Amino acid sequence: MAKILIVEDEPDLSEPVRAYLTHEHHLVEVVADGLEAMERLRFYKYDVIILDWMLPGMQGVEVCKGFRDSGGTTPILMLTSRRQTNDKIIGLDAGADDYLTKPFDVHEVSARVRALLRRPQTVHSNVLRVRNIILETSTFRVTREGTDIQLLPKEFALLEFFMRHPNQVFSAEALLDRVWSSESEASPETIRTYIKRLRQKIDRKDEQSSIISTVHGVGYKLEA
């Protein structure tokens, strides 16, 4: 699961992409204005940004440059109807990682997203292993010692995030930022509830401590 921001002012284009990526178990948010995109990027973190060139409020290439100038490192896939080589150079020089011209197929967008997620700074494998727990993102399956563990979608997303960042401590607020939608009304208490449910499902009864530990006063981490 990746958290993806789509910045596109044409619903006929953004909606099929949002629907397809959501079907692939990504958390997808859509905004239709360049200024709103900058506001989102100022306060929230994403794994991939799909950014249209022509936008109201602020052009996509300006959003890209402003984000990079502020230190943003999230991979950016630029969408545009501009086909001239010079236009592509402008977009890439502004900080875009990849470039896709309209019209496009949603399957190609998905493939480009997977390629960006495979890059070193955001390596995303389809099969994750921590201790004796295996999580398969492509089949939405979790097993422990060969036994299937049934997780709800948000439990799965939370466990996947922990398994991609083993031994790292995350506050409840950080988990809300990375795993929940920016518009969600979830609270730190929501995180505590999901952590409790996850522990009940993935921990063995004969273990003295949970694989997801609480760092008091700081947050939670998955003990690899």
C-alpha atoms as a PDB file:
ATOM      1  CA  MET A   1       0.000   0.000   0.000  1.00  0.00           C
ATOM      2  CA  ALA A   2       1.245   3.443  -0.924  1.00  0.00           C
ATOM      3  CA  LYS A   3      -0.277   6.805  -0.092  1.00  0.00           C
ATOM      4  CA  ILE A   4      -0.731   8.630  -3.404  1.00  0.00           C
ATOM      5  CA  LEU A   5      -1.758  12.200  -4.186  1.00  0.00           C
ATOM      6  CA  ILE A   6      -3.359  12.845  -7.600  1.00  0.00           C
ATOM      7  CA  VAL A   7      -3.389  16.495  -8.677  1.00  0.00           C
ATOM      8  CA  GLU A   8      -5.682  16.700 -11.710  1.00  0.00           C
ATOM      9  CA  ASP A   9      -8.552  19.113 -12.436  1.00  0.00           C
ATOM     10  CA  GLU A  10     -10.342  16.875 -14.961  1.00  0.00           C
ATOM     11  CA  PRO A  11     -12.525  14.298 -13.143  1.00  0.00           C
ATOM     12  CA  ASP A  12     -12.792  12.211 -16.322  1.00  0.00           C
ATOM     13  CA  LEU A  13      -9.048  11.598 -15.989  1.00  0.00           C
ATOM     14  CA  SER A  14      -8.530  11.561 -12.232  1.00  0.00           C
ATOM     15  CA  GLU A  15     -11.451   9.311 -11.316  1.00  0.00           C
ATOM     16  CA  PRO A  16     -10.437   6.236 -13.391  1.00  0.00           C
ATOM     17  CA  VAL A  17      -6.873   6.510 -12.068  1.00  0.00           C
ATOM     18  CA  ARG A  18      -8.099   6.913  -8.493  1.00  0.00           C
ATOM     19  CA  ALA A  19     -10.450   3.941  -8.827  1.00  0.00           C
ATOM     20  CA  TYR A  20      -7.806   1.669 -10.364  1.00  0.00           C
ATOM     21  CA  LEU A  21      -5.088   2.518  -7.839  1.00  0.00           C
ATOM     22  CA  THR A  22      -7.568   2.135  -4.980  1.00  0.00           C
ATOM     23  CA  HIS A  23      -8.457  -1.307  -6.353  1.00  0.00           C
ATOM     24  CA  GLU A  24      -4.743  -2.124  -6.076  1.00  0.00           C
ATOM     25  CA  HIS A  25      -5.004  -1.331  -2.348  1.00  0.00           C
ATOM     26  CA  HIS A  26      -3.347   2.092  -2.466  1.00  0.00           C
ATOM     27  CA  LEU A  27      -4.628   5.005  -0.384  1.00  0.00           C
ATOM     28  CA  VAL A  28      -5.438   7.674  -2.968  1.00  0.00           C
ATOM     29  CA  GLU A  29      -6.331  11.337  -2.499  1.00  0.00           C
ATOM     30  CA  VAL A  30      -7.340  13.735  -5.285  1.00  0.00           C
ATOM     31  CA  VAL A  31      -7.115  17.526  -5.455  1.00  0.00           C
ATOM     32  CA  ALA A  32      -7.921  19.686  -8.476  1.00  0.00           C
ATOM     33  CA  ASP A  33      -5.932  22.857  -7.811  1.00  0.00           C
ATOM     34  CA  GLY A  34      -2.211  23.590  -7.741  1.00  0.00           C
ATOM     35  CA  LEU A  35      -2.436  25.800  -4.670  1.00  0.00           C
ATOM     36  CA  GLU A  36      -4.392  23.158  -2.784  1.00  0.00           C
ATOM     37  CA  ALA A  37      -1.763  20.613  -3.791  1.00  0.00           C
ATOM     38  CA  MET A  38       0.987  22.789  -2.287  1.00  0.00           C
ATOM     39  CA  GLU A  39      -1.047  23.075   0.899  1.00  0.00           C
ATOM     40  CA  ARG A  40      -1.439  19.291   1.133  1.00  0.00           C
ATOM     41  CA  LEU A  41       2.257  18.748   0.493  1.00  0.00           C
ATOM     42  CA  ARG A  42       3.134  21.228   3.196  1.00  0.00           C
ATOM     43  CA  PHE A  43       1.322  19.255   5.891  1.00  0.00           C
ATOM     44  CA  TYR A  44       1.067  15.642   4.692  1.00  0.00           C
ATOM     45  CA  LYS A  45       3.461  13.008   3.379  1.00  0.00           C
ATOM     46  CA  TYR A  46       2.864  10.852   0.318  1.00  0.00           C
ATOM     47  CA  ASP A  47       4.715   7.981  -1.353  1.00  0.00           C
ATOM     48  CA  VAL A  48       3.962   9.107  -4.924  1.00  0.00           C
ATOM     49  CA  ILE A  49       2.551  12.291  -6.475  1.00  0.00           C
ATOM     50  CA  ILE A  50       0.721  12.140  -9.824  1.00  0.00           C
ATOM     51  CA  LEU A  51       0.776  15.737 -11.039  1.00  0.00           C
ATOM     52  CA  ASP A  52      -0.944  17.305 -14.043  1.00  0.00           C
ATOM     53  CA  TRP A  53       0.899  20.111 -15.833  1.00  0.00           C
ATOM     54  CA  MET A  54      -2.100  22.387 -16.547  1.00  0.00           C
ATOM     55  CA  LEU A  55      -3.859  23.285 -13.303  1.00  0.00           C
ATOM     56  CA  PRO A  56      -5.881  26.182 -11.916  1.00  0.00           C
ATOM     57  CA  GLY A  57      -4.272  28.223  -9.165  1.00  0.00           C
ATOM     58  CA  MET A  58      -0.706  27.123  -9.902  1.00  0.00           C
ATOM     59  CA  GLN A  59       0.781  25.211 -12.814  1.00  0.00           C
ATOM     60  CA  GLY A  60       1.900  21.662 -12.104  1.00  0.00           C
ATOM     61  CA  VAL A  61       5.487  22.400 -13.088  1.00  0.00           C
ATOM     62  CA  GLU A  62       5.505  25.235 -10.526  1.00  0.00           C
ATOM     63  CA  VAL A  63       4.083  22.904  -7.871  1.00  0.00           C
ATOM     64  CA  CYS A  64       6.823  20.422  -8.701  1.00  0.00           C
ATOM     65  CA  LYS A  65       9.596  23.013  -8.499  1.00  0.00           C
ATOM     66  CA  GLY A  66       8.212  24.566  -5.301  1.00  0.00           C
ATOM     67  CA  PHE A  67       7.954  21.138  -3.663  1.00  0.00           C
ATOM     68  CA  ARG A  68      11.516  20.235  -4.605  1.00  0.00           C
ATOM     69  CA  ASP A  69      12.850  23.641  -3.520  1.00  0.00           C
ATOM     70  CA  SER A  70      11.276  23.080  -0.092  1.00  0.00           C
ATOM     71  CA  GLY A  71      13.139  19.784   0.266  1.00  0.00           C
ATOM     72  CA  GLY A  72      10.388  17.409  -0.883  1.00  0.00           C
ATOM     73  CA  THR A  73      11.722  14.080  -2.138  1.00  0.00           C
ATOM     74  CA  THR A  74       8.517  12.169  -2.959  1.00  0.00           C
ATOM     75  CA  PRO A  75       8.608  10.685  -6.507  1.00  0.00           C
ATOM     76  CA  ILE A  76       6.538  12.726  -8.980  1.00  0.00           C
ATOM     77  CA  LEU A  77       4.854  11.409 -12.137  1.00  0.00           C
ATOM     78  CA  MET A  78       4.019  14.358 -14.390  1.00  0.00           C
ATOM     79  CA  LEU A  79       0.912  14.127 -16.611  1.00  0.00           C
ATOM     80  CA  THR A  80       0.573  16.412 -19.608  1.00  0.00           C
ATOM     81  CA  SER A  81      -0.745  16.807 -23.141  1.00  0.00           C
ATOM     82  CA  ARG A  82       2.519  18.551 -24.074  1.00  0.00           C
ATOM     83  CA  ARG A  83       4.517  16.330 -26.408  1.00  0.00           C
ATOM     84  CA  GLN A  84       7.459  18.550 -27.308  1.00  0.00           C
ATOM     85  CA  THR A  85      10.852  17.365 -26.075  1.00  0.00           C
ATOM     86  CA  ASN A  86      11.600  20.812 -24.649  1.00  0.00           C
ATOM     87  CA  ASP A  87       8.443  20.664 -22.519  1.00  0.00           C
ATOM     88  CA  LYS A  88       9.516  17.303 -21.130  1.00  0.00           C
ATOM     89  CA  ILE A  89      12.919  18.738 -20.308  1.00  0.00           C
ATOM     90  CA  ILE A  90      11.281  21.619 -18.433  1.00  0.00           C
ATOM     91  CA  GLY A  91       9.181  19.188 -16.386  1.00  0.00           C
ATOM     92  CA  LEU A  92      12.116  16.919 -15.580  1.00  0.00           C
ATOM     93  CA  ASP A  93      14.353  19.850 -14.714  1.00  0.00           C
ATOM     94  CA  ALA A  94      11.658  21.117 -12.354  1.00  0.00           C
ATOM     95  CA  GLY A  95      12.027  17.877 -10.394  1.00  0.00           C
ATOM     96  CA  ALA A  96       9.642  15.357 -11.980  1.00  0.00           C
ATOM     97  CA  ASP A  97      10.828  11.737 -11.868  1.00  0.00           C
ATOM     98  CA  ASP A  98       8.750  10.458 -14.762  1.00  0.00           C
ATOM     99  CA  TYR A  99       6.604  11.842 -17.556  1.00  0.00           C
ATOM    100  CA  LEU A 100       3.396  10.499 -19.138  1.00  0.00           C
ATOM    101  CA  THR A 101       1.578  12.174 -22.021  1.00  0.00           C
ATOM    102  CA  LYS A 102      -2.198  12.215 -22.474  1.00  0.00           C
ATOM    103  CA  PRO A 103      -4.156  10.211 -23.431  1.00  0.00           C
ATOM    104  CA  PHE A 104      -2.890   7.354 -21.328  1.00  0.00           C
ATOM    105  CA  ASP A 105      -4.058   3.972 -20.061  1.00  0.00           C
ATOM    106  CA  VAL A 106      -4.624   3.498 -16.329  1.00  0.00           C
ATOM    107  CA  HIS A 107      -2.599   0.281 -16.500  1.00  0.00           C
ATOM    108  CA  GLU A 108       0.420   2.281 -17.647  1.00  0.00           C
ATOM    109  CA  VAL A 109      -0.091   4.799 -14.839  1.00  0.00           C
ATOM    110  CA  SER A 110      -0.128   1.905 -12.383  1.00  0.00           C
ATOM    111  CA  ALA A 111       3.045   0.455 -13.904  1.00  0.00           C
ATOM    112  CA  ARG A 112       4.781   3.838 -13.662  1.00  0.00           C
ATOM    113  CA  VAL A 113       3.727   4.113 -10.012  1.00  0.00           C
ATOM    114  CA  ARG A 114       5.155   0.660  -9.269  1.00  0.00           C
ATOM    115  CA  ALA A 115       8.405   1.638 -10.950  1.00  0.00           C
ATOM    116  CA  LEU A 116       8.670   4.794  -8.841  1.00  0.00           C
ATOM    117  CA  LEU A 117       7.964   2.829  -5.667  1.00  0.00           C
ATOM    118  CA  ARG A 118      10.786   0.425  -6.512  1.00  0.00           C
ATOM    119  CA  ARG A 119      13.356   3.190  -6.464  1.00  0.00           C
ATOM    120  CA  PRO A 120      15.856   2.979  -3.587  1.00  0.00           C
ATOM    121  CA  GLN A 121      14.416   5.747  -1.422  1.00  0.00           C
ATOM    122  CA  THR A 122      11.003   4.070  -1.382  1.00  0.00           C
ATOM    123  CA  VAL A 123      11.630   0.398  -2.062  1.00  0.00           C
ATOM    124  CA  HIS A 124       8.300  -1.452  -2.206  1.00  0.00           C
ATOM    125  CA  SER A 125       8.437  -5.229  -2.559  1.00  0.00           C
ATOM    126  CA  ASN A 126       5.334  -7.323  -3.178  1.00  0.00           C
ATOM    127  CA  VAL A 127       6.312  -9.793  -0.434  1.00  0.00           C
ATOM    128  CA  LEU A 128       7.386  -8.607   3.015  1.00  0.00           C
ATOM    129  CA  ARG A 129       8.862 -10.859   5.713  1.00  0.00           C
ATOM    130  CA  VAL A 130       9.455 -10.017   9.355  1.00  0.00           C
ATOM    131  CA  ARG A 131      10.211 -12.859  11.765  1.00  0.00           C
ATOM    132  CA  ASN A 132       7.749 -15.571  10.763  1.00  0.00           C
ATOM    133  CA  ILE A 133       5.120 -13.205   9.355  1.00  0.00           C
ATOM    134  CA  ILE A 134       4.729 -12.944   5.572  1.00  0.00           C
ATOM    135  CA  LEU A 135       2.643 -10.212   3.942  1.00  0.00           C
ATOM    136  CA  GLU A 136       1.810 -10.383   0.230  1.00  0.00           C
ATOM    137  CA  THR A 137       0.583  -7.062  -1.127  1.00  0.00           C
ATOM    138  CA  SER A 138      -0.523  -8.459  -4.497  1.00  0.00           C
ATOM    139  CA  THR A 139      -2.884 -11.027  -2.959  1.00  0.00           C
ATOM    140  CA  PHE A 140      -3.773  -9.095   0.215  1.00  0.00           C
ATOM    141  CA  ARG A 141      -2.651 -12.101   2.259  1.00  0.00           C
ATOM    142  CA  VAL A 142      -0.915 -12.344   5.636  1.00  0.00           C
ATOM    143  CA  THR A 143       0.397 -15.592   7.103  1.00  0.00           C
ATOM    144  CA  ARG A 144       2.304 -16.575  10.214  1.00  0.00           C
ATOM    145  CA  GLU A 145       4.120 -19.914  10.127  1.00  0.00           C
ATOM    146  CA  GLY A 146       1.916 -20.857   7.172  1.00  0.00           C
ATOM    147  CA  THR A 147      -1.372 -20.016   8.913  1.00  0.00           C
ATOM    148  CA  ASP A 148      -3.556 -17.337   7.309  1.00  0.00           C
ATOM    149  CA  ILE A 149      -4.349 -14.250   9.371  1.00  0.00           C
ATOM    150  CA  GLN A 150      -7.535 -12.440   8.413  1.00  0.00           C
ATOM    151  CA  LEU A 151      -7.105  -8.673   8.567  1.00  0.00           C
ATOM    152  CA  LEU A 152      -9.439  -5.816   7.796  1.00  0.00           C
ATOM    153  CA  PRO A 153      -8.164  -3.422   5.076  1.00  0.00           C
ATOM    154  CA  LYS A 154      -6.910  -0.768   7.489  1.00  0.00           C
ATOM    155  CA  GLU A 155      -5.297  -3.404   9.725  1.00  0.00           C
ATOM    156  CA  PHE A 156      -3.523  -4.751   6.652  1.00  0.00           C
ATOM    157  CA  ALA A 157      -2.364  -1.249   5.648  1.00  0.00           C
ATOM    158  CA  LEU A 158      -1.058  -0.534   9.145  1.00  0.00           C
ATOM    159  CA  LEU A 159       0.819  -3.835   9.349  1.00  0.00           C
ATOM    160  CA  GLU A 160       2.283  -3.288   5.869  1.00  0.00           C
ATOM    161  CA  PHE A 161       3.542   0.137   6.910  1.00  0.00           C
ATOM    162  CA  PHE A 162       5.198  -1.289  10.031  1.00  0.00           C
ATOM    163  CA  MET A 163       6.783  -4.116   8.025  1.00  0.00           C
ATOM    164  CA  ARG A 164       8.205  -1.656   5.519  1.00  0.00           C
ATOM    165  CA  HIS A 165       9.762   0.315   8.388  1.00  0.00           C
ATOM    166  CA  PRO A 166      10.912  -2.302  10.930  1.00  0.00           C
ATOM    167  CA  ASN A 167      12.510  -1.141  14.184  1.00  0.00           C
ATOM    168  CA  GLN A 168      11.476   2.463  13.530  1.00  0.00           C
ATOM    169  CA  VAL A 169       9.360   4.280  16.100  1.00  0.00           C
ATOM    170  CA  PHE A 170       6.276   6.151  14.874  1.00  0.00           C
ATOM    171  CA  SER A 171       4.009   8.348  16.935  1.00  0.00           C
ATOM    172  CA  ALA A 172       0.255   7.928  16.651  1.00  0.00           C
ATOM    173  CA  GLU A 173       0.146  11.198  14.723  1.00  0.00           C
ATOM    174  CA  ALA A 174       2.767   9.950  12.243  1.00  0.00           C
ATOM    175  CA  LEU A 175       0.791   6.754  11.670  1.00  0.00           C
ATOM    176  CA  LEU A 176      -2.367   8.754  11.067  1.00  0.00           C
ATOM    177  CA  ASP A 177      -0.473  10.865   8.541  1.00  0.00           C
ATOM    178  CA  ARG A 178       0.954   7.919   6.590  1.00  0.00           C
ATOM    179  CA  VAL A 179      -1.814   5.306   6.754  1.00  0.00           C
ATOM    180  CA  TRP A 180      -5.061   7.268   7.055  1.00  0.00           C
ATOM    181  CA  SER A 181      -6.567   9.722   4.601  1.00  0.00           C
ATOM    182  CA  SER A 182      -5.796  13.389   5.247  1.00  0.00           C
ATOM    183  CA  GLU A 183      -9.541  14.060   5.539  1.00  0.00           C
ATOM    184  CA  SER A 184     -10.044  11.251   8.041  1.00  0.00           C
ATOM    185  CA  GLU A 185     -11.423  12.092  11.465  1.00  0.00           C
ATOM    186  CA  ALA A 186      -9.373   9.296  13.033  1.00  0.00           C
ATOM    187  CA  SER A 187      -7.562  10.158  16.263  1.00  0.00           C
ATOM    188  CA  PRO A 188      -4.647   8.756  18.294  1.00  0.00           C
ATOM    189  CA  GLU A 189      -7.260   6.646  20.096  1.00  0.00           C
ATOM    190  CA  THR A 190      -8.073   5.086  16.716  1.00  0.00           C
ATOM    191  CA  ILE A 191      -4.420   4.071  16.412  1.00  0.00           C
ATOM    192  CA  ARG A 192      -4.456   2.487  19.861  1.00  0.00           C
ATOM    193  CA  THR A 193      -7.547   0.495  18.910  1.00  0.00           C
ATOM    194  CA  TYR A 194      -6.011  -0.802  15.684  1.00  0.00           C
ATOM    195  CA  ILE A 195      -2.716  -1.623  17.386  1.00  0.00           C
ATOM    196  CA  LYS A 196      -4.633  -3.668  19.951  1.00  0.00           C
ATOM    197  CA  ARG A 197      -6.540  -5.541  17.219  1.00  0.00           C
ATOM    198  CA  LEU A 198      -3.358  -6.223  15.272  1.00  0.00           C
ATOM    199  CA  ARG A 199      -1.620  -7.618  18.337  1.00  0.00           C
ATOM    200  CA  GLN A 200      -4.542  -9.937  19.033  1.00  0.00           C
ATOM    201  CA  LYS A 201      -4.348 -11.297  15.488  1.00  0.00           C
ATOM    202  CA  ILE A 202      -0.611 -11.553  14.797  1.00  0.00           C
ATOM    203  CA  ASP A 203       0.900 -12.299  18.230  1.00  0.00           C
ATOM    204  CA  ARG A 204       1.155 -15.831  19.592  1.00  0.00           C
ATOM    205  CA  LYS A 205      -0.308 -16.494  23.014  1.00  0.00           C
ATOM    206  CA  ASP A 206       2.920 -18.066  24.277  1.00  0.00           C
ATOM    207  CA  GLU A 207       4.992 -14.959  23.539  1.00  0.00           C
ATOM    208  CA  GLN A 208       5.828 -12.684  26.439  1.00  0.00           C
ATOM    209  CA  SER A 209       5.838  -9.493  24.381  1.00  0.00           C
ATOM    210  CA  SER A 210       4.139  -8.276  21.219  1.00  0.00           C
ATOM    211  CA  ILE A 211       5.898  -7.943  17.894  1.00  0.00           C
ATOM    212  CA  ILE A 212       4.505  -4.391  17.893  1.00  0.00           C
ATOM    213  CA  SER A 213       5.958  -2.728  20.954  1.00  0.00           C
ATOM    214  CA  THR A 214       4.944   0.486  22.685  1.00  0.00           C
ATOM    215  CA  VAL A 215       7.694   3.020  23.268  1.00  0.00           C
ATOM    216  CA  HIS A 216       6.140   4.913  26.155  1.00  0.00           C
ATOM    217  CA  GLY A 217       5.729   8.594  25.523  1.00  0.00           C
ATOM    218  CA  VAL A 218       6.914   8.237  21.918  1.00  0.00           C
ATOM    219  CA  GLY A 219       4.897   5.765  19.860  1.00  0.00           C
ATOM    220  CA  TYR A 220       5.009   2.264  18.389  1.00  0.00           C
ATOM    221  CA  LYS A 221       7.464   0.110  16.466  1.00  0.00           C
ATOM    222  CA  LEU A 222       7.571  -3.336  14.907  1.00  0.00           C
ATOM    223  CA  GLU A 223      10.322  -5.407  16.499  1.00  0.00           C
ATOM    224  CA  ALA A 224      12.142  -7.182  13.689  1.00  0.00           C
END
